[in-house]
């Protein structure tokens, strides 16, 4: 449901091969609290206590999956419609259709 913006819009941009600003370290580091959290993740990863944050890797993965590879019960065109729609009945219909197809 990327038509309303927010996180889902950024994920859908990445699925389309775009580079959403929210998926960049520069954007995420602009918040001092998050910058401190990122530094802690890096320290933990260096100490073998976790995985490093890899924006480029996550973007590459989402781009390689694309809308066609979501495996959510919807065809690529339906996922494209769902990604831009602001029509609530259409959104609900597509979500329910995808769920019903996935449960078969």
PDB file of N, CA and C in Angstrom:
ATOM      1  N   UNK A   1       0.838  -1.190   0.000  1.00  0.00           N
ATOM      2  CA  UNK A   1       0.000   0.000   0.000  1.00  0.00           C
ATOM      3  C   UNK A   1       0.877   1.245   0.000  1.00  0.00           C
ATOM      4  N   UNK A   2       1.678   1.384  -1.001  1.00  0.00           N
ATOM      5  CA  UNK A   2       2.597   2.502  -1.065  1.00  0.00           C
ATOM      6  C   UNK A   2       1.968   3.814  -1.474  1.00  0.00           C
ATOM      7  N   UNK A   3       0.702   3.789  -1.896  1.00  0.00           N
ATOM      8  CA  UNK A   3       0.048   5.002  -2.364  1.00  0.00           C
ATOM      9  C   UNK A   3      -0.109   6.059  -1.289  1.00  0.00           C
ATOM     10  N   UNK A   4      -0.033   5.646  -0.037  1.00  0.00           N
ATOM     11  CA  UNK A   4      -0.186   6.587   1.065  1.00  0.00           C
ATOM     12  C   UNK A   4       1.161   7.096   1.578  1.00  0.00           C
ATOM     13  N   UNK A   5       2.251   6.634   0.989  1.00  0.00           N
ATOM     14  CA  UNK A   5       3.573   7.077   1.411  1.00  0.00           C
ATOM     15  C   UNK A   5       4.112   6.243   2.552  1.00  0.00           C
ATOM     16  N   UNK A   6       5.032   6.788   3.277  1.00  0.00           N
ATOM     17  CA  UNK A   6       5.592   6.112   4.437  1.00  0.00           C
ATOM     18  C   UNK A   6       6.565   4.996   4.072  1.00  0.00           C
ATOM     19  N   UNK A   7       6.758   4.111   5.028  1.00  0.00           N
ATOM     20  CA  UNK A   7       7.724   3.018   4.882  1.00  0.00           C
ATOM     21  C   UNK A   7       7.380   2.115   3.710  1.00  0.00           C
ATOM     22  N   UNK A   8       6.110   1.775   3.548  1.00  0.00           N
ATOM     23  CA  UNK A   8       5.741   0.875   2.456  1.00  0.00           C
ATOM     24  C   UNK A   8       6.065   1.507   1.101  1.00  0.00           C
ATOM     25  N   UNK A   9       5.923   2.813   0.988  1.00  0.00           N
ATOM     26  CA  UNK A   9       6.269   3.493  -0.261  1.00  0.00           C
ATOM     27  C   UNK A   9       7.764   3.333  -0.546  1.00  0.00           C
ATOM     28  N   UNK A  10       8.591   3.478   0.470  1.00  0.00           N
ATOM     29  CA  UNK A  10      10.036   3.320   0.298  1.00  0.00           C
ATOM     30  C   UNK A  10      10.387   1.889  -0.097  1.00  0.00           C
ATOM     31  N   UNK A  11       9.759   0.908   0.526  1.00  0.00           N
ATOM     32  CA  UNK A  11      10.012  -0.491   0.178  1.00  0.00           C
ATOM     33  C   UNK A  11       9.608  -0.750  -1.268  1.00  0.00           C
ATOM     34  N   UNK A  12       8.471  -0.216  -1.682  1.00  0.00           N
ATOM     35  CA  UNK A  12       8.019  -0.403  -3.056  1.00  0.00           C
ATOM     36  C   UNK A  12       8.946   0.280  -4.055  1.00  0.00           C
ATOM     37  N   UNK A  13       9.485   1.431  -3.698  1.00  0.00           N
ATOM     38  CA  UNK A  13      10.481   2.072  -4.565  1.00  0.00           C
ATOM     39  C   UNK A  13      11.683   1.140  -4.741  1.00  0.00           C
ATOM     40  N   UNK A  14      12.134   0.541  -3.656  1.00  0.00           N
ATOM     41  CA  UNK A  14      13.273  -0.377  -3.719  1.00  0.00           C
ATOM     42  C   UNK A  14      12.935  -1.604  -4.568  1.00  0.00           C
ATOM     43  N   UNK A  15      11.714  -2.132  -4.441  1.00  0.00           N
ATOM     44  CA  UNK A  15      11.300  -3.270  -5.263  1.00  0.00           C
ATOM     45  C   UNK A  15      11.307  -2.924  -6.747  1.00  0.00           C
ATOM     46  N   UNK A  16      11.106  -1.653  -7.063  1.00  0.00           N
ATOM     47  CA  UNK A  16      11.122  -1.195  -8.453  1.00  0.00           C
ATOM     48  C   UNK A  16      12.533  -0.839  -8.934  1.00  0.00           C
ATOM     49  N   UNK A  17      13.530  -1.036  -8.084  1.00  0.00           N
ATOM     50  CA  UNK A  17      14.908  -0.753  -8.471  1.00  0.00           C
ATOM     51  C   UNK A  17      15.343   0.669  -8.230  1.00  0.00           C
ATOM     52  N   UNK A  18      14.486   1.454  -7.595  1.00  0.00           N
ATOM     53  CA  UNK A  18      14.848   2.827  -7.259  1.00  0.00           C
ATOM     54  C   UNK A  18      15.641   2.834  -5.950  1.00  0.00           C
ATOM     55  N   UNK A  19      16.221   3.971  -5.623  1.00  0.00           N
ATOM     56  CA  UNK A  19      16.956   4.113  -4.359  1.00  0.00           C
ATOM     57  C   UNK A  19      16.233   5.145  -3.511  1.00  0.00           C
ATOM     58  N   UNK A  20      15.312   4.679  -2.653  1.00  0.00           N
ATOM     59  CA  UNK A  20      14.598   5.633  -1.810  1.00  0.00           C
ATOM     60  C   UNK A  20      15.539   6.269  -0.788  1.00  0.00           C
ATOM     61  N   UNK A  21      15.329   7.530  -0.537  1.00  0.00           N
ATOM     62  CA  UNK A  21      16.189   8.259   0.393  1.00  0.00           C
ATOM     63  C   UNK A  21      16.237   7.578   1.766  1.00  0.00           C
ATOM     64  N   UNK A  22      15.115   7.026   2.205  1.00  0.00           N
ATOM     65  CA  UNK A  22      15.062   6.398   3.524  1.00  0.00           C
ATOM     66  C   UNK A  22      15.955   5.165   3.633  1.00  0.00           C
ATOM     67  N   UNK A  23      16.402   4.614   2.504  1.00  0.00           N
ATOM     68  CA  UNK A  23      17.263   3.442   2.503  1.00  0.00           C
ATOM     69  C   UNK A  23      18.733   3.807   2.367  1.00  0.00           C
ATOM     70  N   UNK A  24      19.071   5.035   2.670  1.00  0.00           N
ATOM     71  CA  UNK A  24      20.470   5.447   2.611  1.00  0.00           C
ATOM     72  C   UNK A  24      20.994   5.722   4.014  1.00  0.00           C
ATOM     73  N   UNK A  25      22.250   5.444   4.197  1.00  0.00           N
ATOM     74  CA  UNK A  25      22.862   5.700   5.501  1.00  0.00           C
ATOM     75  C   UNK A  25      22.856   7.180   5.833  1.00  0.00           C
ATOM     76  N   UNK A  26      23.043   8.025   4.827  1.00  0.00           N
ATOM     77  CA  UNK A  26      23.044   9.472   5.070  1.00  0.00           C
ATOM     78  C   UNK A  26      21.711   9.919   5.665  1.00  0.00           C
ATOM     79  N   UNK A  27      20.612   9.435   5.120  1.00  0.00           N
ATOM     80  CA  UNK A  27      19.292   9.803   5.631  1.00  0.00           C
ATOM     81  C   UNK A  27      19.102   9.274   7.053  1.00  0.00           C
ATOM     82  N   UNK A  28      19.426   8.012   7.249  1.00  0.00           N
ATOM     83  CA  UNK A  28      19.226   7.400   8.571  1.00  0.00           C
ATOM     84  C   UNK A  28      20.138   8.025   9.627  1.00  0.00           C
ATOM     85  N   UNK A  29      21.322   8.436   9.227  1.00  0.00           N
ATOM     86  CA  UNK A  29      22.267   9.019  10.185  1.00  0.00           C
ATOM     87  C   UNK A  29      21.938  10.460  10.532  1.00  0.00           C
ATOM     88  N   UNK A  30      20.983  11.055   9.834  1.00  0.00           N
ATOM     89  CA  UNK A  30      20.624  12.443  10.134  1.00  0.00           C
ATOM     90  C   UNK A  30      19.926  12.569  11.484  1.00  0.00           C
ATOM     91  N   UNK A  31      19.428  11.476  12.011  1.00  0.00           N
ATOM     92  CA  UNK A  31      18.814  11.453  13.339  1.00  0.00           C
ATOM     93  C   UNK A  31      19.893  11.034  14.340  1.00  0.00           C
ATOM     94  N   UNK A  32      20.281  11.898  15.271  1.00  0.00           N
ATOM     95  CA  UNK A  32      21.363  11.573  16.204  1.00  0.00           C
ATOM     96  C   UNK A  32      21.121  10.288  17.003  1.00  0.00           C
ATOM     97  N   UNK A  33      19.888  10.026  17.367  1.00  0.00           N
ATOM     98  CA  UNK A  33      19.581   8.802  18.122  1.00  0.00           C
ATOM     99  C   UNK A  33      19.851   7.569  17.275  1.00  0.00           C
ATOM    100  N   UNK A  34      19.448   7.636  15.997  1.00  0.00           N
ATOM    101  CA  UNK A  34      19.670   6.495  15.135  1.00  0.00           C
ATOM    102  C   UNK A  34      21.145   6.343  14.805  1.00  0.00           C
ATOM    103  N   UNK A  35      21.846   7.455  14.679  1.00  0.00           N
ATOM    104  CA  UNK A  35      23.288   7.391  14.414  1.00  0.00           C
ATOM    105  C   UNK A  35      23.998   6.655  15.558  1.00  0.00           C
ATOM    106  N   UNK A  36      23.591   6.912  16.787  1.00  0.00           N
ATOM    107  CA  UNK A  36      24.180   6.227  17.939  1.00  0.00           C
ATOM    108  C   UNK A  36      23.843   4.736  17.907  1.00  0.00           C
ATOM    109  N   UNK A  37      22.620   4.419  17.538  1.00  0.00           N
ATOM    110  CA  UNK A  37      22.204   3.017  17.438  1.00  0.00           C
ATOM    111  C   UNK A  37      22.990   2.300  16.346  1.00  0.00           C
ATOM    112  N   UNK A  38      23.198   2.971  15.226  1.00  0.00           N
ATOM    113  CA  UNK A  38      23.984   2.407  14.131  1.00  0.00           C
ATOM    114  C   UNK A  38      25.407   2.128  14.580  1.00  0.00           C
ATOM    115  N   UNK A  39      25.977   3.053  15.319  1.00  0.00           N
ATOM    116  CA  UNK A  39      27.334   2.861  15.833  1.00  0.00           C
ATOM    117  C   UNK A  39      27.400   1.637  16.738  1.00  0.00           C
ATOM    118  N   UNK A  40      26.375   1.438  17.553  1.00  0.00           N
ATOM    119  CA  UNK A  40      26.338   0.263  18.434  1.00  0.00           C
ATOM    120  C   UNK A  40      26.225  -1.026  17.618  1.00  0.00           C
ATOM    121  N   UNK A  41      25.394  -1.010  16.579  1.00  0.00           N
ATOM    122  CA  UNK A  41      25.281  -2.185  15.702  1.00  0.00           C
ATOM    123  C   UNK A  41      26.631  -2.506  15.059  1.00  0.00           C
ATOM    124  N   UNK A  42      27.343  -1.474  14.617  1.00  0.00           N
ATOM    125  CA  UNK A  42      28.661  -1.699  14.006  1.00  0.00           C
ATOM    126  C   UNK A  42      29.622  -2.325  15.015  1.00  0.00           C
ATOM    127  N   UNK A  43      29.633  -1.801  16.228  1.00  0.00           N
ATOM    128  CA  UNK A  43      30.495  -2.348  17.271  1.00  0.00           C
ATOM    129  C   UNK A  43      30.141  -3.804  17.543  1.00  0.00           C
ATOM    130  N   UNK A  44      28.844  -4.081  17.669  1.00  0.00           N
ATOM    131  CA  UNK A  44      28.399  -5.454  17.915  1.00  0.00           C
ATOM    132  C   UNK A  44      28.797  -6.379  16.770  1.00  0.00           C
ATOM    133  N   UNK A  45      28.633  -5.918  15.533  1.00  0.00           N
ATOM    134  CA  UNK A  45      29.002  -6.736  14.368  1.00  0.00           C
ATOM    135  C   UNK A  45      30.499  -7.005  14.357  1.00  0.00           C
ATOM    136  N   UNK A  46      31.293  -5.990  14.678  1.00  0.00           N
ATOM    137  CA  UNK A  46      32.744  -6.165  14.727  1.00  0.00           C
ATOM    138  C   UNK A  46      33.145  -7.173  15.802  1.00  0.00           C
ATOM    139  N   UNK A  47      32.346  -7.260  16.871  1.00  0.00           N
ATOM    140  CA  UNK A  47      32.609  -8.199  17.966  1.00  0.00           C
ATOM    141  C   UNK A  47      31.964  -9.561  17.729  1.00  0.00           C
ATOM    142  N   UNK A  48      31.367  -9.750  16.546  1.00  0.00           N
ATOM    143  CA  UNK A  48      30.734 -11.031  16.220  1.00  0.00           C
ATOM    144  C   UNK A  48      29.388 -11.249  16.870  1.00  0.00           C
ATOM    145  N   UNK A  49      28.749 -10.192  17.330  1.00  0.00           N
ATOM    146  CA  UNK A  49      27.467 -10.311  18.029  1.00  0.00           C
ATOM    147  C   UNK A  49      26.272  -9.966  17.155  1.00  0.00           C
ATOM    148  N   UNK A  50      26.472  -9.865  15.877  1.00  0.00           N
ATOM    149  CA  UNK A  50      25.368  -9.520  14.990  1.00  0.00           C
ATOM    150  C   UNK A  50      25.872  -9.254  13.588  1.00  0.00           C
ATOM    151  N   UNK A  51      24.964  -8.888  12.737  1.00  0.00           N
ATOM    152  CA  UNK A  51      25.304  -8.585  11.348  1.00  0.00           C
ATOM    153  C   UNK A  51      25.379  -7.079  11.154  1.00  0.00           C
ATOM    154  N   UNK A  52      26.278  -6.644  10.282  1.00  0.00           N
ATOM    155  CA  UNK A  52      26.352  -5.203  10.018  1.00  0.00           C
ATOM    156  C   UNK A  52      25.131  -4.721   9.239  1.00  0.00           C
ATOM    157  N   UNK A  53      24.841  -3.455   9.359  1.00  0.00           N
ATOM    158  CA  UNK A  53      23.773  -2.844   8.570  1.00  0.00           C
ATOM    159  C   UNK A  53      24.295  -2.687   7.154  1.00  0.00           C
ATOM    160  N   UNK A  54      23.535  -3.209   6.189  1.00  0.00           N
ATOM    161  CA  UNK A  54      23.986  -3.220   4.794  1.00  0.00           C
ATOM    162  C   UNK A  54      22.887  -2.658   3.902  1.00  0.00           C
ATOM    163  N   UNK A  55      22.831  -1.338   3.799  1.00  0.00           N
ATOM    164  CA  UNK A  55      21.797  -0.695   2.994  1.00  0.00           C
ATOM    165  C   UNK A  55      21.869  -1.128   1.534  1.00  0.00           C
ATOM    166  N   UNK A  56      23.076  -1.142   0.962  1.00  0.00           N
ATOM    167  CA  UNK A  56      23.237  -1.510  -0.444  1.00  0.00           C
ATOM    168  C   UNK A  56      22.801  -2.950  -0.684  1.00  0.00           C
ATOM    169  N   UNK A  57      23.127  -3.831   0.235  1.00  0.00           N
ATOM    170  CA  UNK A  57      22.731  -5.236   0.100  1.00  0.00           C
ATOM    171  C   UNK A  57      21.226  -5.415   0.166  1.00  0.00           C
ATOM    172  N   UNK A  58      20.587  -4.705   1.075  1.00  0.00           N
ATOM    173  CA  UNK A  58      19.120  -4.804   1.189  1.00  0.00           C
ATOM    174  C   UNK A  58      18.446  -4.236  -0.048  1.00  0.00           C
ATOM    175  N   UNK A  59      18.961  -3.125  -0.556  1.00  0.00           N
ATOM    176  CA  UNK A  59      18.412  -2.549  -1.781  1.00  0.00           C
ATOM    177  C   UNK A  59      18.583  -3.496  -2.953  1.00  0.00           C
ATOM    178  N   UNK A  60      19.752  -4.120  -3.064  1.00  0.00           N
ATOM    179  CA  UNK A  60      20.005  -5.059  -4.159  1.00  0.00           C
ATOM    180  C   UNK A  60      19.048  -6.240  -4.075  1.00  0.00           C
ATOM    181  N   UNK A  61      18.813  -6.737  -2.858  1.00  0.00           N
ATOM    182  CA  UNK A  61      17.885  -7.867  -2.692  1.00  0.00           C
ATOM    183  C   UNK A  61      16.473  -7.475  -3.115  1.00  0.00           C
ATOM    184  N   UNK A  62      15.974  -6.362  -2.605  1.00  0.00           N
ATOM    185  CA  UNK A  62      14.615  -5.943  -2.948  1.00  0.00           C
ATOM    186  C   UNK A  62      14.470  -5.686  -4.442  1.00  0.00           C
ATOM    187  N   UNK A  63      15.476  -5.088  -5.036  1.00  0.00           N
ATOM    188  CA  UNK A  63      15.451  -4.822  -6.467  1.00  0.00           C
ATOM    189  C   UNK A  63      15.427  -6.130  -7.260  1.00  0.00           C
ATOM    190  N   UNK A  64      16.162  -7.136  -6.798  1.00  0.00           N
ATOM    191  CA  UNK A  64      16.198  -8.417  -7.508  1.00  0.00           C
ATOM    192  C   UNK A  64      14.874  -9.170  -7.380  1.00  0.00           C
ATOM    193  N   UNK A  65      14.172  -8.993  -6.275  1.00  0.00           N
ATOM    194  CA  UNK A  65      12.873  -9.643  -6.079  1.00  0.00           C
ATOM    195  C   UNK A  65      11.828  -8.979  -6.963  1.00  0.00           C
ATOM    196  N   UNK A  66      11.766  -7.671  -6.906  1.00  0.00           N
ATOM    197  CA  UNK A  66      10.794  -6.923  -7.704  1.00  0.00           C
ATOM    198  C   UNK A  66       9.351  -7.233  -7.322  1.00  0.00           C
ATOM    199  N   UNK A  67       8.435  -6.523  -7.927  1.00  0.00           N
ATOM    200  CA  UNK A  67       7.012  -6.742  -7.657  1.00  0.00           C
ATOM    201  C   UNK A  67       6.553  -8.127  -8.095  1.00  0.00           C
ATOM    202  N   UNK A  68       7.182  -8.669  -9.139  1.00  0.00           N
ATOM    203  CA  UNK A  68       6.787  -9.979  -9.660  1.00  0.00           C
ATOM    204  C   UNK A  68       7.171 -11.105  -8.702  1.00  0.00           C
ATOM    205  N   UNK A  69       8.173 -10.890  -7.872  1.00  0.00           N
ATOM    206  CA  UNK A  69       8.673 -11.953  -7.011  1.00  0.00           C
ATOM    207  C   UNK A  69       8.184 -11.909  -5.579  1.00  0.00           C
ATOM    208  N   UNK A  70       7.126 -11.173  -5.306  1.00  0.00           N
ATOM    209  CA  UNK A  70       6.670 -11.033  -3.922  1.00  0.00           C
ATOM    210  C   UNK A  70       6.048 -12.301  -3.347  1.00  0.00           C
ATOM    211  N   UNK A  71       5.566 -13.198  -4.191  1.00  0.00           N
ATOM    212  CA  UNK A  71       4.971 -14.454  -3.731  1.00  0.00           C
ATOM    213  C   UNK A  71       3.886 -14.203  -2.685  1.00  0.00           C
ATOM    214  N   UNK A  72       2.994 -13.265  -3.013  1.00  0.00           N
ATOM    215  CA  UNK A  72       1.927 -12.898  -2.084  1.00  0.00           C
ATOM    216  C   UNK A  72       0.535 -13.217  -2.624  1.00  0.00           C
ATOM    217  N   UNK A  73       0.499 -14.067  -3.661  1.00  0.00           N
ATOM    218  CA  UNK A  73      -0.792 -14.451  -4.223  1.00  0.00           C
ATOM    219  C   UNK A  73      -1.329 -13.509  -5.281  1.00  0.00           C
ATOM    220  N   UNK A  74      -0.622 -12.435  -5.562  1.00  0.00           N
ATOM    221  CA  UNK A  74      -1.054 -11.474  -6.565  1.00  0.00           C
ATOM    222  C   UNK A  74      -0.109 -11.489  -7.758  1.00  0.00           C
ATOM    223  N   UNK A  75      -0.653 -11.190  -8.930  1.00  0.00           N
ATOM    224  CA  UNK A  75       0.166 -11.050 -10.129  1.00  0.00           C
ATOM    225  C   UNK A  75       0.925  -9.728 -10.064  1.00  0.00           C
ATOM    226  N   UNK A  76       1.931  -9.597 -10.905  1.00  0.00           N
ATOM    227  CA  UNK A  76       2.750  -8.386 -10.901  1.00  0.00           C
ATOM    228  C   UNK A  76       1.891  -7.138 -11.115  1.00  0.00           C
ATOM    229  N   UNK A  77       0.946  -7.183 -12.043  1.00  0.00           N
ATOM    230  CA  UNK A  77       0.079  -6.033 -12.298  1.00  0.00           C
ATOM    231  C   UNK A  77      -0.774  -5.675 -11.096  1.00  0.00           C
ATOM    232  N   UNK A  78      -1.257  -6.706 -10.408  1.00  0.00           N
ATOM    233  CA  UNK A  78      -2.054  -6.451  -9.196  1.00  0.00           C
ATOM    234  C   UNK A  78      -1.193  -5.843  -8.101  1.00  0.00           C
ATOM    235  N   UNK A  79       0.042  -6.318  -7.972  1.00  0.00           N
ATOM    236  CA  UNK A  79       0.959  -5.715  -7.000  1.00  0.00           C
ATOM    237  C   UNK A  79       1.265  -4.274  -7.368  1.00  0.00           C
ATOM    238  N   UNK A  80       1.384  -4.005  -8.655  1.00  0.00           N
ATOM    239  CA  UNK A  80       1.618  -2.636  -9.090  1.00  0.00           C
ATOM    240  C   UNK A  80       0.430  -1.746  -8.725  1.00  0.00           C
ATOM    241  N   UNK A  81      -0.776  -2.250  -8.958  1.00  0.00           N
ATOM    242  CA  UNK A  81      -1.980  -1.489  -8.585  1.00  0.00           C
ATOM    243  C   UNK A  81      -2.011  -1.256  -7.082  1.00  0.00           C
ATOM    244  N   UNK A  82      -1.762  -2.309  -6.318  1.00  0.00           N
ATOM    245  CA  UNK A  82      -1.778  -2.195  -4.855  1.00  0.00           C
ATOM    246  C   UNK A  82      -0.725  -1.197  -4.372  1.00  0.00           C
ATOM    247  N   UNK A  83       0.380  -1.124  -5.069  1.00  0.00           N
ATOM    248  CA  UNK A  83       1.473  -0.256  -4.621  1.00  0.00           C
ATOM    249  C   UNK A  83       1.192   1.231  -4.804  1.00  0.00           C
ATOM    250  N   UNK A  84       0.200   1.563  -5.632  1.00  0.00           N
ATOM    251  CA  UNK A  84      -0.067   2.978  -5.889  1.00  0.00           C
ATOM    252  C   UNK A  84      -1.484   3.415  -5.528  1.00  0.00           C
ATOM    253  N   UNK A  85      -2.353   2.458  -5.267  1.00  0.00           N
ATOM    254  CA  UNK A  85      -3.767   2.778  -5.057  1.00  0.00           C
ATOM    255  C   UNK A  85      -4.001   3.562  -3.762  1.00  0.00           C
ATOM    256  N   UNK A  86      -4.953   4.468  -3.836  1.00  0.00           N
ATOM    257  CA  UNK A  86      -5.452   5.171  -2.653  1.00  0.00           C
ATOM    258  C   UNK A  86      -6.934   4.865  -2.458  1.00  0.00           C
ATOM    259  N   UNK A  87      -7.432   3.919  -3.246  1.00  0.00           N
ATOM    260  CA  UNK A  87      -8.827   3.507  -3.214  1.00  0.00           C
ATOM    261  C   UNK A  87      -8.969   2.367  -2.200  1.00  0.00           C
ATOM    262  N   UNK A  88      -9.536   2.662  -1.029  1.00  0.00           N
ATOM    263  CA  UNK A  88      -9.584   1.667   0.046  1.00  0.00           C
ATOM    264  C   UNK A  88     -10.313   0.380  -0.336  1.00  0.00           C
ATOM    265  N   UNK A  89     -11.478   0.418  -1.006  1.00  0.00           N
ATOM    266  CA  UNK A  89     -12.106  -0.851  -1.397  1.00  0.00           C
ATOM    267  C   UNK A  89     -11.205  -1.680  -2.329  1.00  0.00           C
ATOM    268  N   UNK A  90     -10.511  -1.031  -3.237  1.00  0.00           N
ATOM    269  CA  UNK A  90      -9.603  -1.741  -4.142  1.00  0.00           C
ATOM    270  C   UNK A  90      -8.447  -2.363  -3.352  1.00  0.00           C
ATOM    271  N   UNK A  91      -7.906  -1.617  -2.403  1.00  0.00           N
ATOM    272  CA  UNK A  91      -6.802  -2.110  -1.575  1.00  0.00           C
ATOM    273  C   UNK A  91      -7.246  -3.331  -0.773  1.00  0.00           C
ATOM    274  N   UNK A  92      -8.394  -3.232  -0.127  1.00  0.00           N
ATOM    275  CA  UNK A  92      -8.910  -4.350   0.676  1.00  0.00           C
ATOM    276  C   UNK A  92      -9.142  -5.565  -0.211  1.00  0.00           C
ATOM    277  N   UNK A  93      -9.745  -5.349  -1.382  1.00  0.00           N
ATOM    278  CA  UNK A  93      -9.993  -6.451  -2.309  1.00  0.00           C
ATOM    279  C   UNK A  93      -8.683  -7.158  -2.674  1.00  0.00           C
ATOM    280  N   UNK A  94      -7.664  -6.387  -3.054  1.00  0.00           N
ATOM    281  CA  UNK A  94      -6.399  -6.997  -3.463  1.00  0.00           C
ATOM    282  C   UNK A  94      -5.708  -7.721  -2.318  1.00  0.00           C
ATOM    283  N   UNK A  95      -5.762  -7.162  -1.126  1.00  0.00           N
ATOM    284  CA  UNK A  95      -5.164  -7.837   0.028  1.00  0.00           C
ATOM    285  C   UNK A  95      -5.880  -9.154   0.300  1.00  0.00           C
ATOM    286  N   UNK A  96      -7.215  -9.122   0.304  1.00  0.00           N
ATOM    287  CA  UNK A  96      -7.973 -10.350   0.541  1.00  0.00           C
ATOM    288  C   UNK A  96      -7.753 -11.373  -0.571  1.00  0.00           C
ATOM    289  N   UNK A  97      -7.660 -10.912  -1.804  1.00  0.00           N
ATOM    290  CA  UNK A  97      -7.396 -11.816  -2.926  1.00  0.00           C
ATOM    291  C   UNK A  97      -6.034 -12.482  -2.747  1.00  0.00           C
ATOM    292  N   UNK A  98      -5.028 -11.680  -2.413  1.00  0.00           N
ATOM    293  CA  UNK A  98      -3.691 -12.237  -2.208  1.00  0.00           C
ATOM    294  C   UNK A  98      -3.663 -13.242  -1.078  1.00  0.00           C
ATOM    295  N   UNK A  99      -4.338 -12.923   0.015  1.00  0.00           N
ATOM    296  CA  UNK A  99      -4.389 -13.866   1.144  1.00  0.00           C
ATOM    297  C   UNK A  99      -5.080 -15.161   0.757  1.00  0.00           C
ATOM    298  N   UNK A 100      -6.201 -15.041   0.060  1.00  0.00           N
ATOM    299  CA  UNK A 100      -6.942 -16.251  -0.312  1.00  0.00           C
ATOM    300  C   UNK A 100      -6.131 -17.113  -1.282  1.00  0.00           C
ATOM    301  N   UNK A 101      -5.401 -16.490  -2.206  1.00  0.00           N
ATOM    302  CA  UNK A 101      -4.550 -17.239  -3.136  1.00  0.00           C
ATOM    303  C   UNK A 101      -3.372 -17.896  -2.409  1.00  0.00           C
ATOM    304  N   UNK A 102      -2.844 -17.224  -1.422  1.00  0.00           N
ATOM    305  CA  UNK A 102      -1.700 -17.756  -0.683  1.00  0.00           C
ATOM    306  C   UNK A 102      -2.068 -18.942   0.197  1.00  0.00           C
ATOM    307  N   UNK A 103      -3.335 -19.009   0.588  1.00  0.00           N
ATOM    308  CA  UNK A 103      -3.780 -20.100   1.481  1.00  0.00           C
ATOM    309  C   UNK A 103      -4.170 -21.359   0.721  1.00  0.00           C
ATOM    310  N   UNK A 104      -4.206 -21.279  -0.612  1.00  0.00           N
ATOM    311  CA  UNK A 104      -4.590 -22.459  -1.414  1.00  0.00           C
ATOM    312  C   UNK A 104      -3.479 -23.462  -1.464  1.00  0.00           C
TER     313      UNK A 104
END
